[in-house]
Protein backbone atom coordinates (compact mmCIF):
# COMPACT_ATOMS: atom_id res chain seq x y z
CA UNK A 1 -14.27 78.59 -36.29
CA UNK A 2 -13.61 75.10 -37.45
CA UNK A 3 -10.25 74.84 -35.63
CA UNK A 4 -12.05 75.70 -32.28
CA UNK A 5 -14.51 72.91 -32.90
CA UNK A 6 -11.60 70.55 -33.72
CA UNK A 7 -9.76 71.60 -30.54
CA UNK A 8 -12.83 70.86 -28.42
CA UNK A 9 -13.13 67.41 -30.01
CA UNK A 10 -9.50 66.68 -29.41
CA UNK A 11 -9.80 67.71 -25.67
CA UNK A 12 -12.91 65.55 -25.23
CA UNK A 13 -11.01 62.57 -26.79
CA UNK A 14 -8.06 63.10 -24.51
CA UNK A 15 -10.36 63.23 -21.47
CA UNK A 16 -12.03 60.02 -22.59
CA UNK A 17 -8.72 58.28 -23.05
CA UNK A 18 -7.50 59.39 -19.64
CA UNK A 19 -10.66 58.05 -17.89
CA UNK A 20 -10.26 54.76 -19.63
CA UNK A 21 -6.64 54.47 -18.67
CA UNK A 22 -7.41 55.35 -15.01
CA UNK A 23 -10.20 52.69 -14.96
CA UNK A 24 -7.85 50.07 -16.34
CA UNK A 25 -5.15 51.03 -13.75
CA UNK A 26 -7.60 50.62 -10.91
CA UNK A 27 -8.84 47.30 -12.27
CA UNK A 28 -5.18 46.06 -12.55
CA UNK A 29 -4.50 47.32 -9.07
CA UNK A 30 -7.58 45.59 -7.57
CA UNK A 31 -6.43 42.29 -9.21
CA UNK A 32 -2.71 42.48 -8.40
CA UNK A 33 -2.98 43.52 -4.76
CA UNK A 34 -5.09 40.54 -3.57
CA UNK A 35 -3.01 38.21 -5.86
CA UNK A 36 0.21 39.47 -4.31
CA UNK A 37 -1.21 39.07 -0.89
CA UNK A 38 -2.39 35.52 -1.50
CA UNK A 39 0.96 34.63 -3.00
CA UNK A 40 2.85 35.96 -0.02
CA UNK A 41 0.50 34.12 2.41
CA UNK A 42 0.81 30.86 0.56
CA UNK A 43 4.46 30.77 -0.39
CA UNK A 44 6.31 33.19 1.85
CA UNK A 45 4.61 33.49 5.19
CA UNK A 46 4.92 30.67 7.78
CA UNK A 47 1.07 30.07 7.53
CA UNK A 48 1.57 26.87 5.42
CA UNK A 49 4.84 25.69 6.99
CA UNK A 50 4.65 22.05 7.89
CA UNK A 51 4.43 21.69 11.71
CA UNK A 52 2.44 18.60 12.65
CA UNK A 53 3.20 15.07 11.39
CA UNK A 54 1.06 12.14 12.26
CA UNK A 55 1.83 8.46 11.43
CA UNK A 56 -1.02 5.91 11.45
CA UNK A 57 -0.93 2.14 10.90
CA UNK A 58 -3.93 0.53 9.23
CA UNK A 59 -3.60 -2.52 11.53
CA UNK A 60 -2.73 -2.91 15.21
CA UNK A 61 0.71 -4.26 14.36
CA UNK A 62 2.42 -0.89 14.34
CA UNK A 63 4.74 -0.52 17.28
CA UNK A 64 5.43 2.89 19.05
CA UNK A 65 9.12 2.67 18.32
CA UNK A 66 8.43 2.09 14.62
CA UNK A 67 5.98 4.92 14.52
CA UNK A 68 8.53 7.27 16.16
CA UNK A 69 11.21 6.18 13.73
CA UNK A 70 8.94 7.07 10.80
CA UNK A 71 8.01 10.39 12.29
CA UNK A 72 11.65 11.34 12.88
CA UNK A 73 12.52 10.27 9.19
CA UNK A 74 9.69 12.46 7.89
CA UNK A 75 10.52 15.39 10.04
CA UNK A 76 14.14 15.23 9.00
CA UNK A 77 13.19 15.60 5.34
CA UNK A 78 10.17 17.99 5.33
CA UNK A 79 9.58 19.68 8.64
CA UNK A 80 9.19 23.41 8.16
CA UNK A 81 8.78 23.14 4.41
CA UNK A 82 5.78 24.72 2.62
CA UNK A 83 2.99 22.12 2.54
CA UNK A 84 1.61 23.49 -0.79
CA UNK A 85 4.91 22.84 -2.49
CA UNK A 86 5.64 19.53 -0.76
CA UNK A 87 6.22 16.63 -3.16
CA UNK A 88 5.65 13.03 -2.15
CA UNK A 89 9.04 12.19 -3.80
CA UNK A 90 10.66 13.64 -0.79
CA UNK A 91 9.20 10.78 1.32
CA UNK A 92 10.09 8.03 -1.10
CA UNK A 93 12.18 6.39 1.51
CA UNK A 94 8.92 5.00 2.99
CA UNK A 95 8.09 3.18 -0.24
CA UNK A 96 11.52 1.53 -0.19
CA UNK A 97 10.63 -0.30 2.97
CA UNK A 98 9.68 -3.79 1.78
CA UNK A 99 7.50 -4.57 4.92
CA UNK A 100 5.15 -1.74 3.94
CA UNK A 101 2.47 -2.89 1.44
CA UNK A 102 1.15 0.71 0.82
CA UNK A 103 1.95 4.17 2.09
CA UNK A 104 -0.59 6.96 1.71
CA UNK A 105 0.34 10.61 2.42
CA UNK A 106 -2.44 13.21 3.01
CA UNK A 107 -1.96 16.95 3.36
CA UNK A 108 -4.12 18.60 6.07
CA UNK A 109 -4.08 22.33 5.49
CA UNK A 110 -2.80 24.63 6.78
CA UNK A 111 0.24 22.83 8.34
CA UNK A 112 -0.37 19.15 8.99
CA UNK A 113 0.69 15.84 7.31
CA UNK A 114 -0.80 12.43 7.88
CA UNK A 115 1.25 9.31 6.82
CA UNK A 116 -0.92 6.17 6.72
CA UNK A 117 1.09 2.92 6.60
CA UNK A 118 -0.32 -0.47 5.67
CA UNK A 119 2.00 -3.34 6.57
CA UNK A 120 2.50 -6.60 4.66
CA UNK A 121 0.94 -9.60 6.51
CA UNK A 122 3.14 -12.71 6.37
CA UNK A 123 1.21 -15.60 5.02
CA UNK A 124 3.98 -18.17 4.79
CA UNK A 125 7.65 -18.92 4.93
CA UNK A 126 9.35 -19.91 1.71
CA UNK A 127 12.58 -21.89 1.52
CA UNK A 128 14.83 -21.72 -1.57
CA UNK A 129 17.55 -23.97 -3.05
CA UNK A 130 20.17 -22.70 -0.59
CA UNK A 131 17.88 -23.41 2.42
CA UNK A 132 17.29 -19.67 3.14
CA UNK A 133 14.00 -18.63 4.67
CA UNK A 134 11.91 -15.72 3.72
CA UNK A 135 8.49 -14.28 4.68
CA UNK A 136 5.97 -13.90 1.82
CA UNK A 137 2.65 -12.22 1.75
CA UNK A 138 -0.54 -13.12 -0.13
CA UNK A 139 0.71 -11.33 -3.26
CA UNK A 140 3.74 -13.56 -3.40
CA UNK A 141 6.15 -10.77 -2.51
CA UNK A 142 9.22 -11.72 -0.43
CA UNK A 143 9.62 -8.83 2.09
CA UNK A 144 11.65 -10.20 5.06
CA UNK A 145 14.34 -12.70 6.00
CA UNK A 146 13.29 -12.70 9.68
CA UNK A 147 11.92 -15.83 11.19
CA UNK A 148 8.30 -16.07 12.40
CA UNK A 149 6.93 -19.14 14.18
CA UNK A 150 3.51 -20.59 13.42
CA UNK A 151 3.58 -20.11 9.56
CA UNK A 152 3.53 -22.83 7.05
CA UNK A 153 6.80 -23.55 5.24
CA UNK A 154 6.66 -23.72 1.34
CA UNK A 155 9.78 -25.54 0.06
CA UNK A 156 11.01 -24.36 -3.32
CA UNK A 157 14.26 -26.36 -3.83
CA UNK A 158 14.63 -25.43 -7.49
CA UNK A 159 14.50 -21.58 -7.01
CA UNK A 160 16.81 -18.95 -5.83
CA UNK A 161 14.99 -16.20 -3.97
CA UNK A 162 15.81 -12.69 -2.95
CA UNK A 163 14.25 -9.88 -0.96
CA UNK A 164 11.81 -7.78 -2.95
CA UNK A 165 11.19 -10.52 -5.44
CA UNK A 166 7.62 -11.41 -6.34
CA UNK A 167 7.21 -15.14 -6.86
CA UNK A 168 5.34 -15.54 -10.24
CA UNK A 169 4.93 -19.25 -10.21
CA UNK A 170 1.27 -20.28 -10.75
CA UNK A 171 1.74 -23.16 -8.35
CA UNK A 172 2.99 -20.84 -5.54
CA UNK A 173 0.12 -18.30 -6.32
CA UNK A 174 -2.39 -21.16 -6.01
CA UNK A 175 -0.88 -22.27 -2.68
CA UNK A 176 -0.88 -18.81 -1.19
CA UNK A 177 -4.52 -18.39 -2.26
CA UNK A 178 -5.41 -21.75 -0.59
CA UNK A 179 -3.54 -20.84 2.52
CA UNK A 180 -5.38 -17.56 2.80
CA UNK A 181 -8.70 -19.29 2.34
CA UNK A 182 -7.81 -22.00 4.97
CA UNK A 183 -6.63 -19.39 7.48
CA UNK A 184 -9.86 -17.45 7.08
CA UNK A 185 -11.82 -20.53 8.14
CA UNK A 186 -9.51 -21.31 11.04
CA UNK A 187 -7.38 -23.98 9.41
CA UNK A 188 -3.61 -23.70 9.93
CA UNK A 189 -1.04 -25.41 7.69
CA UNK A 190 2.28 -26.75 8.93
CA UNK A 191 4.10 -27.33 5.73
CA UNK A 192 3.67 -27.31 1.88
CA UNK A 193 5.52 -29.39 -0.59
CA UNK A 194 5.35 -28.56 -4.37
CA UNK A 195 7.77 -31.15 -5.74
CA UNK A 196 6.04 -33.99 -7.54
CA UNK A 197 2.57 -32.54 -6.91
CA UNK A 198 1.04 -30.52 -4.16
CA UNK A 199 1.11 -31.79 -0.63
CA UNK A 200 0.35 -30.05 2.59
CA UNK A 201 -0.24 -30.77 6.20
CA UNK A 202 -3.08 -29.20 8.15
CA UNK A 203 -2.15 -28.52 11.70
CA UNK A 204 -3.82 -31.14 13.96
CA UNK A 205 -5.51 -32.40 10.76
CA UNK A 206 -4.92 -34.52 7.68
CA UNK A 207 -2.22 -34.62 5.12
CA UNK A 208 -3.66 -33.25 1.84
CA UNK A 209 -2.78 -34.25 -1.73
CA UNK A 210 -4.35 -32.17 -4.54
CA UNK A 211 -4.01 -30.78 -7.94
CA UNK A 212 -3.67 -27.16 -8.93
CA UNK A 213 -7.17 -26.97 -10.39
CA UNK A 214 -9.14 -24.04 -9.22
CA UNK A 215 -12.02 -26.19 -7.84
CA UNK A 216 -9.80 -28.21 -5.50
CA UNK A 217 -9.58 -25.39 -2.94
CA UNK A 218 -13.26 -25.01 -2.30
CA UNK A 219 -13.64 -28.75 -2.32
CA UNK A 220 -10.93 -29.20 0.39
CA UNK A 221 -12.50 -26.44 2.54
CA UNK A 222 -15.90 -28.14 2.21
CA UNK A 223 -14.45 -31.46 3.37
CA UNK A 224 -12.51 -30.05 6.36
CA UNK A 225 -15.43 -27.93 7.56
CA UNK A 226 -17.87 -30.92 7.22
CA UNK A 227 -15.67 -33.33 9.20
CA UNK A 228 -14.76 -30.69 11.79
CA UNK A 229 -18.46 -30.17 12.47
CA UNK A 230 -18.92 -33.91 12.91
CA UNK A 231 -15.90 -34.22 15.04
CA UNK A 232 -14.36 -36.88 12.77
CA UNK A 233 -10.54 -37.07 12.55
CA UNK A 234 -9.10 -37.34 9.04
CA UNK A 235 -5.63 -38.74 8.40
CA UNK A 236 -5.39 -38.03 4.65
CA UNK A 237 -7.37 -36.29 1.96
CA UNK A 238 -6.47 -37.10 -1.66
CA UNK A 239 -8.19 -34.71 -4.24
CA UNK A 240 -6.03 -35.64 -7.20
CA UNK A 241 -8.70 -37.93 -8.73
CA UNK A 242 -12.19 -37.06 -9.84
CA UNK A 243 -13.72 -38.34 -6.55
CA UNK A 244 -11.99 -37.48 -3.25
CA UNK A 245 -10.29 -40.29 -1.32
CA UNK A 246 -10.46 -40.00 2.48
CA UNK A 247 -8.49 -41.84 5.12
CA UNK A 248 -9.57 -41.76 8.69
CA UNK A 249 -7.53 -41.99 11.95
């Protein structure tokens, strides 16, 4: 009869639908169980809890006490937290330290953190209109009011300076670039004057007068290295004119 045939078709259809549903349930189960396990391992279990903190300095100037201080500060803020969820904003206090030029934070799975600190290197001392002294690096950033012997002093009597300020004067930028080049070749500078032109005194060497043209720096270096090689003592070097004027001891 036609109704029996229809019944058999309905039962076959029901069996097919049940098999499809069972297959989909198994597939969902096979996906969800590993996902739940991984989520638990990553975000709930202590597997990724921060345990080890290492502080490294990119130069040899980092002291043990300073390193310990940084480690304690980092531990106070993030120790035991999930390293996968850790945000570098939680360690923003390191970027607020002016003496640090750069701070890099690297996560080492499963539970270690490495903090690499690059310190600013003082290139000169700057003196402002109130006679205050600050340390400045090659970028012109004022990062400390501590005294340090053996650095050239740049007098800026018309400026008021403050910590964290970046000196944007072209004259100062030129001087810092020149001081860096002289230092790399072993020439130290005692003082620098920017009023009424650029004057500086090379330690155990000549007084130098020069303009702010880009080619005066290499010209000065060439003169100093040439006469150092010859063992000749210079008293004054004037590079303001087209041809250098040299005065001997």
